[in-house]
Amino acid sequence: MASGNDETALQPYGPLNETTIFTKAGFWPWLSGLFAFLWIITLVLLLRKKGPLPSSVDRQESNTTPSGLEAMRTAVISNDAVKVATALRLWDRSLLPEALNKEIEQEVTALMASRYSSSIGEWQNHQLLLLLKRAGQHSKLTPKQEVLSDLY
């Protein structure tokens, strides 16, 4: 139902050209400034902590980590079953013959059995050291094979 005074219903609530000016902004500008200042301090501290980029000398030192075979040999010499198991998992034995891989795994299993079984038995590392020596000789003799054949 339309009222008799339609003109007043269509008029806005206040004058159109009136602007509201806030003279007291409150604490929000100060809080925003504080967060911006703390962010800049965090950025500066992060850049200081990282320091300079590593030089080529540092990169050469990281490349001198022992190979999987050397880590395995060191672990066997120390007679530490946990280190031997870890070195065996990390060592890439994919280029070794399957028979040699099985012999190495059998010796490691014998080591684990002597360390963790209920019967007390002494394990000698001589056989595993000989197998590792054979693995080292085999990897030196194996020519570098290309994984992919020629495409043409």
Foldseek 3Di string as FASTA:
>chain_A
DDDPCVPVVPDDPDDPPDDDDDPDPDCVVVVVVVVVVVVVVVVVVVVVVVDDDDDVVVVVVVVPDDALLVQLLVCLVVLDLVSNVVSLVVHDLPQPDPVLVVVLVVLSVVSCCCVPPPDHDDRDSPVNNVSSVVSVVSVVPDDDDDPDDDPD
